[in-house]
Amino acid sequence: MTDTIAAPPRFITYVPLTDLTPAPRNPKRHELELLIDAIRMHGLVEVPVVDERTQCVLHGHGRREALIEMQGRGMTTPGGIVLDEDAGWLVPVLRGWSSKSDNEAEALAIKLNRLPGEGGWDPREFAAVLEDLATGDAELFDSLAIPADEMDKLFSQVDPETLPGGIREDEPATLHLADDGDEHGDGLSPDDDGRAAHTTCPACGHLFNTGR
């Protein structure tokens, strides 16, 4: 059983959306419509972070902008947001961290944006998840808004017959990596016999499993 912490060093509290102050400098740019669509579909899941020293948003500028735009458009209050007595939007924010300087605040803001994506994706696992989404829920798949060239690059690395449900799914994963195949880097391994690395799925235009 977990003991209750009387004064937790990090805590979530609800504040008026209009009270969220952006940082003086924020070099991160945002695809606002994609953020709006994600919040509309799933609610606000990743909460903004406020720096106690500056009382400015440290992480979550895009979500702040998206929520302001959604409220201005008269959209339905998304999940995770509550209304005050004047129908204003109250937003959950993470509190309790305080920067030592402006330099530290800006360095951490960059890390919070960059580090989650630095590990990349496991091609086979990512391909399998995307294929299941594309065939199981086209709306969710479309909401990922992955560019076609990125999809093509991903699936050129993966032998579709070794994905779950493929005719060779029990075999170790076969990846068509850049150094496989001929000197032109066509992404085919020597045992492919000219087989295309992927085929087109009628559900989404990208998928690719000849074994299904």
C-alpha atoms as a PDB file:
ATOM      1  CA  MET A   1       0.000   0.000   0.000  1.00  0.00           C
ATOM      2  CA  THR A   2       1.370   3.415  -0.964  1.00  0.00           C
ATOM      3  CA  ASP A   3       1.627   5.998   1.804  1.00  0.00           C
ATOM      4  CA  THR A   4       0.191   9.443   1.148  1.00  0.00           C
ATOM      5  CA  ILE A   5       2.851  12.148   0.837  1.00  0.00           C
ATOM      6  CA  ALA A   6       1.826  15.200   2.837  1.00  0.00           C
ATOM      7  CA  ALA A   7       3.719  17.674   0.676  1.00  0.00           C
ATOM      8  CA  PRO A   8       4.632  16.012  -2.632  1.00  0.00           C
ATOM      9  CA  PRO A   9       7.526  17.650  -4.497  1.00  0.00           C
ATOM     10  CA  ARG A  10       5.557  17.435  -7.743  1.00  0.00           C
ATOM     11  CA  PHE A  11       1.805  17.875  -7.916  1.00  0.00           C
ATOM     12  CA  ILE A  12      -0.950  18.648 -10.401  1.00  0.00           C
ATOM     13  CA  THR A  13      -3.304  21.533  -9.848  1.00  0.00           C
ATOM     14  CA  TYR A  14      -5.942  23.184 -12.010  1.00  0.00           C
ATOM     15  CA  VAL A  15      -5.425  26.789 -13.104  1.00  0.00           C
ATOM     16  CA  PRO A  16      -7.348  29.058 -15.479  1.00  0.00           C
ATOM     17  CA  LEU A  17      -6.211  28.687 -19.068  1.00  0.00           C
ATOM     18  CA  THR A  18      -5.889  32.469 -19.252  1.00  0.00           C
ATOM     19  CA  ASP A  19      -3.361  32.371 -16.384  1.00  0.00           C
ATOM     20  CA  LEU A  20      -0.877  30.174 -18.254  1.00  0.00           C
ATOM     21  CA  THR A  21       1.967  32.523 -19.159  1.00  0.00           C
ATOM     22  CA  PRO A  22       4.221  31.451 -22.035  1.00  0.00           C
ATOM     23  CA  ALA A  23       7.974  31.605 -21.657  1.00  0.00           C
ATOM     24  CA  PRO A  24       9.621  34.742 -23.072  1.00  0.00           C
ATOM     25  CA  ARG A  25      11.425  32.587 -25.642  1.00  0.00           C
ATOM     26  CA  ASN A  26      10.178  29.331 -27.101  1.00  0.00           C
ATOM     27  CA  PRO A  27      11.902  28.146 -30.300  1.00  0.00           C
ATOM     28  CA  LYS A  28       9.675  25.071 -30.654  1.00  0.00           C
ATOM     29  CA  ARG A  29       7.104  25.267 -33.430  1.00  0.00           C
ATOM     30  CA  HIS A  30       3.836  23.350 -33.400  1.00  0.00           C
ATOM     31  CA  GLU A  31       1.415  21.754 -35.839  1.00  0.00           C
ATOM     32  CA  LEU A  32      -1.534  23.401 -34.140  1.00  0.00           C
ATOM     33  CA  GLU A  33      -4.281  21.600 -36.048  1.00  0.00           C
ATOM     34  CA  LEU A  34      -2.757  18.209 -35.239  1.00  0.00           C
ATOM     35  CA  LEU A  35      -2.602  19.121 -31.556  1.00  0.00           C
ATOM     36  CA  ILE A  36      -6.196  20.326 -31.626  1.00  0.00           C
ATOM     37  CA  ASP A  37      -7.318  17.104 -33.287  1.00  0.00           C
ATOM     38  CA  ALA A  38      -5.402  14.967 -30.762  1.00  0.00           C
ATOM     39  CA  ILE A  39      -6.881  16.831 -27.786  1.00  0.00           C
ATOM     40  CA  ARG A  40     -10.353  16.657 -29.333  1.00  0.00           C
ATOM     41  CA  MET A  41     -10.009  12.911 -29.846  1.00  0.00           C
ATOM     42  CA  HIS A  42      -8.251  11.862 -26.629  1.00  0.00           C
ATOM     43  CA  GLY A  43      -8.622  14.779 -24.227  1.00  0.00           C
ATOM     44  CA  LEU A  44      -5.687  16.557 -22.576  1.00  0.00           C
ATOM     45  CA  VAL A  45      -3.392  13.728 -21.480  1.00  0.00           C
ATOM     46  CA  GLU A  46       0.066  15.308 -21.270  1.00  0.00           C
ATOM     47  CA  VAL A  47      -0.261  18.257 -18.927  1.00  0.00           C
ATOM     48  CA  PRO A  48       1.740  21.504 -19.223  1.00  0.00           C
ATOM     49  CA  VAL A  49       4.619  22.120 -16.813  1.00  0.00           C
ATOM     50  CA  VAL A  50       5.081  25.422 -14.995  1.00  0.00           C
ATOM     51  CA  ASP A  51       8.410  26.720 -13.690  1.00  0.00           C
ATOM     52  CA  GLU A  52       7.875  27.848 -10.103  1.00  0.00           C
ATOM     53  CA  ARG A  53      10.680  30.413 -10.297  1.00  0.00           C
ATOM     54  CA  THR A  54       9.342  32.271 -13.332  1.00  0.00           C
ATOM     55  CA  GLN A  55       5.674  31.191 -13.138  1.00  0.00           C
ATOM     56  CA  CYS A  56       5.887  30.644 -16.905  1.00  0.00           C
ATOM     57  CA  VAL A  57       5.079  27.576 -18.939  1.00  0.00           C
ATOM     58  CA  LEU A  58       8.200  25.431 -19.226  1.00  0.00           C
ATOM     59  CA  HIS A  59       6.729  22.658 -21.375  1.00  0.00           C
ATOM     60  CA  GLY A  60       3.356  22.636 -23.093  1.00  0.00           C
ATOM     61  CA  HIS A  61       3.246  25.815 -25.163  1.00  0.00           C
ATOM     62  CA  GLY A  62       1.638  23.982 -28.059  1.00  0.00           C
ATOM     63  CA  ARG A  63      -1.061  22.502 -25.873  1.00  0.00           C
ATOM     64  CA  ARG A  64      -1.713  25.933 -24.388  1.00  0.00           C
ATOM     65  CA  GLU A  65      -2.100  27.443 -27.864  1.00  0.00           C
ATOM     66  CA  ALA A  66      -4.311  24.574 -28.993  1.00  0.00           C
ATOM     67  CA  LEU A  67      -6.624  24.925 -25.988  1.00  0.00           C
ATOM     68  CA  ILE A  68      -6.928  28.689 -26.457  1.00  0.00           C
ATOM     69  CA  GLU A  69      -7.841  28.126 -30.107  1.00  0.00           C
ATOM     70  CA  MET A  70     -10.332  25.382 -29.250  1.00  0.00           C
ATOM     71  CA  GLN A  71     -12.043  27.582 -26.682  1.00  0.00           C
ATOM     72  CA  GLY A  72     -12.122  30.483 -29.126  1.00  0.00           C
ATOM     73  CA  ARG A  73     -13.771  28.272 -31.747  1.00  0.00           C
ATOM     74  CA  GLY A  74     -16.446  27.241 -29.281  1.00  0.00           C
ATOM     75  CA  MET A  75     -15.412  23.594 -29.409  1.00  0.00           C
ATOM     76  CA  THR A  76     -16.622  21.103 -26.838  1.00  0.00           C
ATOM     77  CA  THR A  77     -14.665  21.153 -23.594  1.00  0.00           C
ATOM     78  CA  PRO A  78     -12.102  18.351 -23.999  1.00  0.00           C
ATOM     79  CA  GLY A  79     -11.527  15.595 -21.489  1.00  0.00           C
ATOM     80  CA  GLY A  80      -9.239  16.612 -18.645  1.00  0.00           C
ATOM     81  CA  ILE A  81     -10.466  20.226 -18.661  1.00  0.00           C
ATOM     82  CA  VAL A  82     -13.001  21.427 -16.117  1.00  0.00           C
ATOM     83  CA  LEU A  83     -15.129  24.553 -16.076  1.00  0.00           C
ATOM     84  CA  ASP A  84     -15.117  27.240 -13.424  1.00  0.00           C
ATOM     85  CA  GLU A  85     -18.244  29.084 -12.304  1.00  0.00           C
ATOM     86  CA  ASP A  86     -17.952  31.451 -15.270  1.00  0.00           C
ATOM     87  CA  ALA A  87     -17.525  28.610 -17.791  1.00  0.00           C
ATOM     88  CA  GLY A  88     -13.824  29.380 -18.108  1.00  0.00           C
ATOM     89  CA  TRP A  89     -11.481  26.486 -18.827  1.00  0.00           C
ATOM     90  CA  LEU A  90      -9.366  25.184 -15.962  1.00  0.00           C
ATOM     91  CA  VAL A  91      -6.267  23.302 -17.091  1.00  0.00           C
ATOM     92  CA  PRO A  92      -4.267  20.718 -15.123  1.00  0.00           C
ATOM     93  CA  VAL A  93      -0.600  21.700 -14.810  1.00  0.00           C
ATOM     94  CA  LEU A  94       2.396  20.043 -13.185  1.00  0.00           C
ATOM     95  CA  ARG A  95       3.861  22.183 -10.424  1.00  0.00           C
ATOM     96  CA  GLY A  96       6.763  21.884  -8.009  1.00  0.00           C
ATOM     97  CA  TRP A  97       9.861  22.273 -10.195  1.00  0.00           C
ATOM     98  CA  SER A  98      11.879  25.466 -10.015  1.00  0.00           C
ATOM     99  CA  SER A  99      14.720  26.445 -12.326  1.00  0.00           C
ATOM    100  CA  LYS A 100      17.920  27.950 -10.959  1.00  0.00           C
ATOM    101  CA  SER A 101      18.327  30.334 -13.884  1.00  0.00           C
ATOM    102  CA  ASP A 102      16.876  31.285 -17.249  1.00  0.00           C
ATOM    103  CA  ASN A 103      19.590  29.192 -18.888  1.00  0.00           C
ATOM    104  CA  GLU A 104      18.542  26.084 -16.981  1.00  0.00           C
ATOM    105  CA  ALA A 105      14.875  26.678 -17.771  1.00  0.00           C
ATOM    106  CA  GLU A 106      15.562  26.983 -21.492  1.00  0.00           C
ATOM    107  CA  ALA A 107      17.911  23.983 -21.507  1.00  0.00           C
ATOM    108  CA  LEU A 108      15.306  21.776 -19.822  1.00  0.00           C
ATOM    109  CA  ALA A 109      12.576  23.038 -22.155  1.00  0.00           C
ATOM    110  CA  ILE A 110      14.674  21.917 -25.125  1.00  0.00           C
ATOM    111  CA  LYS A 111      15.370  18.534 -23.511  1.00  0.00           C
ATOM    112  CA  LEU A 112      11.690  17.916 -22.781  1.00  0.00           C
ATOM    113  CA  ASN A 113      10.925  18.473 -26.459  1.00  0.00           C
ATOM    114  CA  ARG A 114      13.914  16.673 -28.012  1.00  0.00           C
ATOM    115  CA  LEU A 115      14.749  13.693 -25.832  1.00  0.00           C
ATOM    116  CA  PRO A 116      11.495  11.681 -26.164  1.00  0.00           C
ATOM    117  CA  GLY A 117      12.052  11.322 -29.915  1.00  0.00           C
ATOM    118  CA  GLU A 118      15.774  10.674 -29.843  1.00  0.00           C
ATOM    119  CA  GLY A 119      15.453   6.902 -29.466  1.00  0.00           C
ATOM    120  CA  GLY A 120      13.629   6.532 -32.768  1.00  0.00           C
ATOM    121  CA  TRP A 121      11.362   3.566 -33.526  1.00  0.00           C
ATOM    122  CA  ASP A 122      11.889  -0.152 -33.730  1.00  0.00           C
ATOM    123  CA  PRO A 123      10.946  -0.682 -37.407  1.00  0.00           C
ATOM    124  CA  ARG A 124       9.286  -4.089 -37.003  1.00  0.00           C
ATOM    125  CA  GLU A 125       7.279  -3.201 -33.891  1.00  0.00           C
ATOM    126  CA  PHE A 126       6.284   0.176 -35.309  1.00  0.00           C
ATOM    127  CA  ALA A 127       5.234  -1.378 -38.609  1.00  0.00           C
ATOM    128  CA  ALA A 128       3.136  -4.010 -36.836  1.00  0.00           C
ATOM    129  CA  VAL A 129       1.359  -1.411 -34.677  1.00  0.00           C
ATOM    130  CA  LEU A 130       0.674   0.833 -37.675  1.00  0.00           C
ATOM    131  CA  GLU A 131      -0.660  -2.057 -39.709  1.00  0.00           C
ATOM    132  CA  ASP A 132      -3.037  -3.053 -36.917  1.00  0.00           C
ATOM    133  CA  LEU A 133      -4.238   0.551 -36.607  1.00  0.00           C
ATOM    134  CA  ALA A 134      -4.703   0.920 -40.354  1.00  0.00           C
ATOM    135  CA  THR A 135      -6.776  -2.234 -40.646  1.00  0.00           C
ATOM    136  CA  GLY A 136      -8.535  -1.946 -37.275  1.00  0.00           C
ATOM    137  CA  ASP A 137      -9.402   1.750 -36.958  1.00  0.00           C
ATOM    138  CA  ALA A 138      -8.771   3.906 -40.012  1.00  0.00           C
ATOM    139  CA  GLU A 139      -9.711   7.114 -38.173  1.00  0.00           C
ATOM    140  CA  LEU A 140      -7.075   6.555 -35.517  1.00  0.00           C
ATOM    141  CA  PHE A 141      -4.514   5.650 -38.153  1.00  0.00           C
ATOM    142  CA  ASP A 142      -5.287   8.783 -40.167  1.00  0.00           C
ATOM    143  CA  SER A 143      -5.022  10.913 -37.024  1.00  0.00           C
ATOM    144  CA  LEU A 144      -1.325   9.984 -36.767  1.00  0.00           C
ATOM    145  CA  ALA A 145      -0.746  12.143 -39.855  1.00  0.00           C
ATOM    146  CA  ILE A 146       2.469  10.314 -40.766  1.00  0.00           C
ATOM    147  CA  PRO A 147       3.744  11.633 -44.122  1.00  0.00           C
ATOM    148  CA  ALA A 148       3.688   9.182 -47.019  1.00  0.00           C
ATOM    149  CA  ASP A 149       7.437   9.372 -47.570  1.00  0.00           C
ATOM    150  CA  GLU A 150       8.054   8.503 -43.904  1.00  0.00           C
ATOM    151  CA  MET A 151       5.704   5.529 -44.193  1.00  0.00           C
ATOM    152  CA  ASP A 152       7.430   4.349 -47.345  1.00  0.00           C
ATOM    153  CA  LYS A 153      10.841   4.644 -45.701  1.00  0.00           C
ATOM    154  CA  LEU A 154       9.671   2.671 -42.655  1.00  0.00           C
ATOM    155  CA  PHE A 155       8.086  -0.144 -44.603  1.00  0.00           C
ATOM    156  CA  SER A 156      10.986  -0.401 -47.014  1.00  0.00           C
ATOM    157  CA  GLN A 157      12.993  -1.537 -43.973  1.00  0.00           C
ATOM    158  CA  VAL A 158      10.616  -4.291 -42.922  1.00  0.00           C
ATOM    159  CA  ASP A 159       9.826  -7.599 -44.595  1.00  0.00           C
ATOM    160  CA  PRO A 160       6.002  -7.614 -44.358  1.00  0.00           C
ATOM    161  CA  GLU A 161       5.849 -11.416 -44.282  1.00  0.00           C
ATOM    162  CA  THR A 162       7.644 -11.420 -40.912  1.00  0.00           C
ATOM    163  CA  LEU A 163       5.110  -9.095 -39.307  1.00  0.00           C
ATOM    164  CA  PRO A 164       2.523 -10.614 -36.941  1.00  0.00           C
ATOM    165  CA  GLY A 165      -0.058 -12.377 -39.116  1.00  0.00           C
ATOM    166  CA  GLY A 166       2.364 -12.750 -42.016  1.00  0.00           C
ATOM    167  CA  ILE A 167       3.073 -16.130 -43.557  1.00  0.00           C
ATOM    168  CA  ARG A 168       6.555 -16.126 -41.978  1.00  0.00           C
ATOM    169  CA  GLU A 169       5.733 -14.449 -38.666  1.00  0.00           C
ATOM    170  CA  ASP A 170       7.440 -17.218 -36.654  1.00  0.00           C
ATOM    171  CA  GLU A 171      10.761 -16.438 -38.274  1.00  0.00           C
ATOM    172  CA  PRO A 172      13.147 -13.860 -36.828  1.00  0.00           C
ATOM    173  CA  ALA A 173      12.399 -10.388 -38.065  1.00  0.00           C
ATOM    174  CA  THR A 174      13.927  -9.614 -41.429  1.00  0.00           C
ATOM    175  CA  LEU A 175      14.793  -5.982 -41.885  1.00  0.00           C
ATOM    176  CA  HIS A 176      15.611  -4.450 -45.252  1.00  0.00           C
ATOM    177  CA  LEU A 177      18.200  -1.991 -44.031  1.00  0.00           C
ATOM    178  CA  ALA A 178      20.109   0.518 -46.102  1.00  0.00           C
ATOM    179  CA  ASP A 179      23.205  -1.700 -46.376  1.00  0.00           C
ATOM    180  CA  ASP A 180      21.188  -4.723 -47.568  1.00  0.00           C
ATOM    181  CA  GLY A 181      20.804  -5.542 -51.230  1.00  0.00           C
ATOM    182  CA  ASP A 182      22.776  -4.025 -54.051  1.00  0.00           C
ATOM    183  CA  GLU A 183      25.032  -1.018 -54.151  1.00  0.00           C
ATOM    184  CA  HIS A 184      22.098   1.252 -54.916  1.00  0.00           C
ATOM    185  CA  GLY A 185      20.536   0.496 -51.533  1.00  0.00           C
ATOM    186  CA  ASP A 186      17.231  -0.778 -52.942  1.00  0.00           C
ATOM    187  CA  GLY A 187      16.355  -2.298 -49.582  1.00  0.00           C
ATOM    188  CA  LEU A 188      16.098  -5.915 -50.763  1.00  0.00           C
ATOM    189  CA  SER A 189      18.010  -8.745 -49.165  1.00  0.00           C
ATOM    190  CA  PRO A 190      19.647 -11.401 -51.362  1.00  0.00           C
ATOM    191  CA  ASP A 191      16.900 -13.941 -50.572  1.00  0.00           C
ATOM    192  CA  ASP A 192      14.064 -11.681 -51.680  1.00  0.00           C
ATOM    193  CA  ASP A 193      14.110 -12.876 -55.300  1.00  0.00           C
ATOM    194  CA  GLY A 194      12.888  -9.518 -56.420  1.00  0.00           C
ATOM    195  CA  ARG A 195       9.835  -9.534 -54.125  1.00  0.00           C
ATOM    196  CA  ALA A 196       8.566  -6.046 -53.374  1.00  0.00           C
ATOM    197  CA  ALA A 197       9.360  -4.932 -49.839  1.00  0.00           C
ATOM    198  CA  HIS A 198       5.730  -4.010 -49.280  1.00  0.00           C
ATOM    199  CA  THR A 199       2.384  -3.874 -51.006  1.00  0.00           C
ATOM    200  CA  THR A 200      -0.444  -1.383 -50.797  1.00  0.00           C
ATOM    201  CA  CYS A 201      -3.306  -1.947 -48.398  1.00  0.00           C
ATOM    202  CA  PRO A 202      -6.736  -0.870 -49.639  1.00  0.00           C
ATOM    203  CA  ALA A 203      -7.519   0.411 -46.130  1.00  0.00           C
ATOM    204  CA  CYS A 204      -4.908   3.163 -46.014  1.00  0.00           C
ATOM    205  CA  GLY A 205      -2.854   3.139 -49.172  1.00  0.00           C
ATOM    206  CA  HIS A 206       0.367   2.060 -47.481  1.00  0.00           C
ATOM    207  CA  LEU A 207       0.019  -1.457 -46.121  1.00  0.00           C
ATOM    208  CA  PHE A 208       1.902  -3.909 -47.312  1.00  0.00           C
ATOM    209  CA  ASN A 209       1.407  -7.403 -45.877  1.00  0.00           C
ATOM    210  CA  THR A 210       1.148  -9.945 -48.637  1.00  0.00           C
ATOM    211  CA  GLY A 211       0.697 -12.679 -46.052  1.00  0.00           C
ATOM    212  CA  ARG A 212      -2.635 -11.466 -44.644  1.00  0.00           C
END
